[in-house]
Amino acid sequence: MFKKLSEALVETLQNSIEKDAEDVEQFVKRAQEKLGSNPTSVDEIEAMHKAAMDIETNKQQYVDLFAGLQKKNHMIKQIQG
């Protein structure tokens, strides 16, 4: 019974890690797309600056998400011993 509970916990953690990793990856991809262009006009520079400020505003949320992902991975390793 304990083994089945452990397996269920590991599976749940793995699914959560996959979802969180996908969210972090999407954030990074969007940030790279927004900041990867080479602005050629004042309007484009202003738009890039706004995008950078938006990314900075949301960054901590994804840093925290990644830290949680690492904790979940560590828990899996502890459970599987």
Protein backbone atom coordinates (compact mmCIF):
# COMPACT_ATOMS: atom_id res chain seq x y z
CA MET A 1 0.00 0.00 0.00
CA PHE A 2 2.83 2.38 0.88
CA LYS A 3 4.50 1.59 -2.43
CA LYS A 4 1.34 2.49 -4.39
CA LEU A 5 1.03 5.74 -2.45
CA SER A 6 4.67 6.58 -3.19
CA GLU A 7 4.21 5.79 -6.87
CA ALA A 8 1.11 7.98 -7.04
CA LEU A 9 2.95 10.83 -5.33
CA VAL A 10 5.90 10.53 -7.70
CA GLU A 11 3.61 10.48 -10.73
CA THR A 12 1.74 13.55 -9.48
CA LEU A 13 5.01 15.39 -8.84
CA GLN A 14 6.34 14.43 -12.27
CA ASN A 15 3.20 15.74 -13.98
CA SER A 16 3.44 18.97 -12.00
CA ILE A 17 7.13 19.34 -12.90
CA GLU A 18 6.35 18.87 -16.60
CA LYS A 19 3.64 21.54 -16.50
CA ASP A 20 5.81 23.99 -14.57
CA ALA A 21 8.79 23.37 -16.86
CA GLU A 22 6.60 24.02 -19.89
CA ASP A 23 5.36 27.30 -18.36
CA VAL A 24 8.92 28.45 -17.64
CA GLU A 25 10.07 27.43 -21.11
CA GLN A 26 7.22 29.36 -22.74
CA PHE A 27 8.04 32.47 -20.69
CA VAL A 28 11.69 32.29 -21.77
CA LYS A 29 10.75 31.76 -25.43
CA ARG A 30 8.35 34.72 -25.38
CA ALA A 31 10.98 36.90 -23.70
CA GLN A 32 13.59 35.91 -26.28
CA GLU A 33 11.20 36.68 -29.13
CA LYS A 34 10.34 40.08 -27.70
CA LEU A 35 13.93 41.04 -26.96
CA GLY A 36 15.59 39.30 -29.87
CA SER A 37 14.72 41.84 -32.52
CA ASN A 38 16.90 44.75 -33.56
CA PRO A 39 14.85 47.96 -33.23
CA THR A 40 15.41 50.51 -35.97
CA SER A 41 13.07 53.31 -34.93
CA VAL A 42 12.19 55.19 -31.79
CA ASP A 43 8.78 53.48 -31.72
CA GLU A 44 10.41 50.06 -31.91
CA ILE A 45 12.85 51.00 -29.15
CA GLU A 46 9.97 52.16 -26.96
CA ALA A 47 8.06 48.95 -27.67
CA MET A 48 11.10 46.85 -26.78
CA HIS A 49 11.62 48.84 -23.59
CA LYS A 50 8.00 48.25 -22.61
CA ALA A 51 8.38 44.55 -23.37
CA ALA A 52 11.53 44.42 -21.23
CA MET A 53 9.72 46.11 -18.35
CA ASP A 54 6.83 43.63 -18.65
CA ILE A 55 9.27 40.73 -18.64
CA GLU A 56 11.01 42.12 -15.56
CA THR A 57 7.66 42.52 -13.81
CA ASN A 58 6.75 38.86 -14.43
CA LYS A 59 10.22 37.35 -14.05
CA GLN A 60 10.05 36.67 -10.31
CA GLN A 61 6.91 34.59 -10.75
CA TYR A 62 8.80 32.28 -13.10
CA VAL A 63 11.93 32.25 -10.95
CA ASP A 64 9.74 31.08 -8.06
CA LEU A 65 8.04 28.53 -10.31
CA PHE A 66 11.44 27.16 -11.34
CA ALA A 67 12.57 26.98 -7.71
CA GLY A 68 9.43 25.01 -6.88
CA LEU A 69 10.10 22.72 -9.80
CA GLN A 70 13.58 22.00 -8.43
CA LYS A 71 12.13 21.26 -4.97
CA LYS A 72 9.63 18.82 -6.48
CA ASN A 73 12.43 17.09 -8.37
CA HIS A 74 14.42 16.81 -5.14
CA MET A 75 11.37 15.30 -3.41
CA ILE A 76 11.06 12.68 -6.13
CA LYS A 77 14.70 11.72 -5.66
CA GLN A 78 14.17 11.40 -1.91
CA ILE A 79 11.05 9.28 -2.33
CA GLN A 80 12.71 6.97 -4.84
CA GLY A 81 15.73 6.78 -2.56
